[in-house]
Amino acid sequence: MNSASNAPACNLPEVRSDVVKEYSAKSIMRWASVVGAAKYDIFKKTRTGDFILVERVNDPVYTIYLAAGDIRYDHFKIAAVCPES
């Protein structure tokens, strides 16, 4: 039996962006801190509809640079990350 299976479960709620400020070349997403979260994973939606991890951040804010023109804040989702044991 590996040690990971003995680790306590860490169930964190879904994270939703509370505030999105849109500018000409970027959007800034902010959300409420999640109690128990160590960090936040930022996922971007691919053309096939899947989400891929693009960055892990410490604070409940993420800036999306819109140089490509077709990237929108709603192409992203946020997941709270449990602390490592």
Protein backbone atom coordinates (compact mmCIF):
# COMPACT_ATOMS: atom_id res chain seq x y z
CA MET A 1 0.00 0.00 0.00
CA ASN A 2 1.48 3.38 -0.89
CA SER A 3 1.53 6.31 1.50
CA ALA A 4 -0.66 8.46 -0.76
CA SER A 5 -3.64 6.18 -0.17
CA ASN A 6 -3.29 6.77 3.59
CA ALA A 7 -3.28 10.55 3.21
CA PRO A 8 -6.35 12.35 4.50
CA ALA A 9 -8.72 13.59 1.82
CA CYS A 10 -8.68 17.29 1.09
CA ASN A 11 -11.99 18.42 -0.33
CA LEU A 12 -12.07 22.04 -1.38
CA PRO A 13 -15.06 23.82 -2.91
CA GLU A 14 -15.21 24.88 -6.54
CA VAL A 15 -13.64 28.27 -7.17
CA ARG A 16 -15.52 30.89 -9.17
CA SER A 17 -14.07 34.16 -10.35
CA ASP A 18 -15.83 36.97 -8.47
CA VAL A 19 -14.44 39.92 -10.39
CA VAL A 20 -13.16 40.18 -13.92
CA LYS A 21 -11.78 43.50 -15.10
CA GLU A 22 -11.31 43.67 -18.84
CA TYR A 23 -8.77 45.96 -20.46
CA SER A 24 -7.70 46.21 -24.11
CA ALA A 25 -4.76 43.79 -23.78
CA LYS A 26 -5.60 41.81 -20.63
CA SER A 27 -8.27 40.62 -18.22
CA ILE A 28 -7.70 40.30 -14.49
CA MET A 29 -9.61 37.56 -12.66
CA ARG A 30 -10.01 37.75 -8.87
CA TRP A 31 -11.77 35.35 -6.55
CA ALA A 32 -12.37 34.87 -2.84
CA SER A 33 -9.68 32.94 -0.99
CA VAL A 34 -10.68 29.37 -0.21
CA VAL A 35 -10.14 28.31 3.41
CA GLY A 36 -7.67 25.40 3.40
CA ALA A 37 -6.26 26.10 -0.07
CA ALA A 38 -2.49 26.39 -0.39
CA LYS A 39 -2.50 27.57 -4.01
CA TYR A 40 -4.73 27.79 -7.06
CA ASP A 41 -4.38 26.00 -10.38
CA ILE A 42 -5.35 27.92 -13.50
CA PHE A 43 -6.67 25.84 -16.40
CA LYS A 44 -7.23 27.00 -19.98
CA LYS A 45 -9.81 25.51 -22.31
CA THR A 46 -8.36 23.98 -25.48
CA ARG A 47 -10.02 24.00 -28.91
CA THR A 48 -11.27 20.48 -28.22
CA GLY A 49 -12.99 21.60 -25.00
CA ASP A 50 -10.53 19.98 -22.60
CA PHE A 51 -8.81 22.01 -19.89
CA ILE A 52 -5.03 22.03 -19.44
CA LEU A 53 -3.07 23.37 -16.49
CA VAL A 54 -1.28 26.58 -17.45
CA GLU A 55 -0.10 27.93 -14.12
CA ARG A 56 -0.19 27.50 -10.34
CA VAL A 57 -0.53 30.74 -8.36
CA ASN A 58 -0.29 31.62 -4.68
CA ASP A 59 -2.81 34.46 -4.58
CA PRO A 60 -6.46 34.63 -5.66
CA VAL A 61 -5.75 36.72 -8.75
CA TYR A 62 -4.66 35.88 -12.30
CA THR A 63 -3.92 38.08 -15.30
CA ILE A 64 -4.76 36.84 -18.78
CA TYR A 65 -2.88 38.62 -21.54
CA LEU A 66 -5.07 38.93 -24.63
CA ALA A 67 -2.52 39.51 -27.36
CA ALA A 68 -3.99 36.69 -29.46
CA GLY A 69 -7.35 38.47 -29.56
CA ASP A 70 -9.45 35.32 -29.27
CA ILE A 71 -8.54 34.43 -25.67
CA ARG A 72 -11.28 35.30 -23.17
CA TYR A 73 -11.52 35.02 -19.42
CA ASP A 74 -14.35 32.50 -19.74
CA HIS A 75 -11.90 30.11 -21.41
CA PHE A 76 -10.30 29.58 -17.98
CA LYS A 77 -11.23 27.82 -14.77
CA ILE A 78 -9.69 27.86 -11.32
CA ALA A 79 -9.14 25.02 -8.86
CA ALA A 80 -8.06 25.34 -5.23
CA VAL A 81 -5.03 23.18 -4.36
CA CYS A 82 -4.72 21.39 -1.02
CA PRO A 83 -1.58 21.86 1.07
CA GLU A 84 1.05 19.15 0.68
CA SER A 85 1.30 16.85 3.66
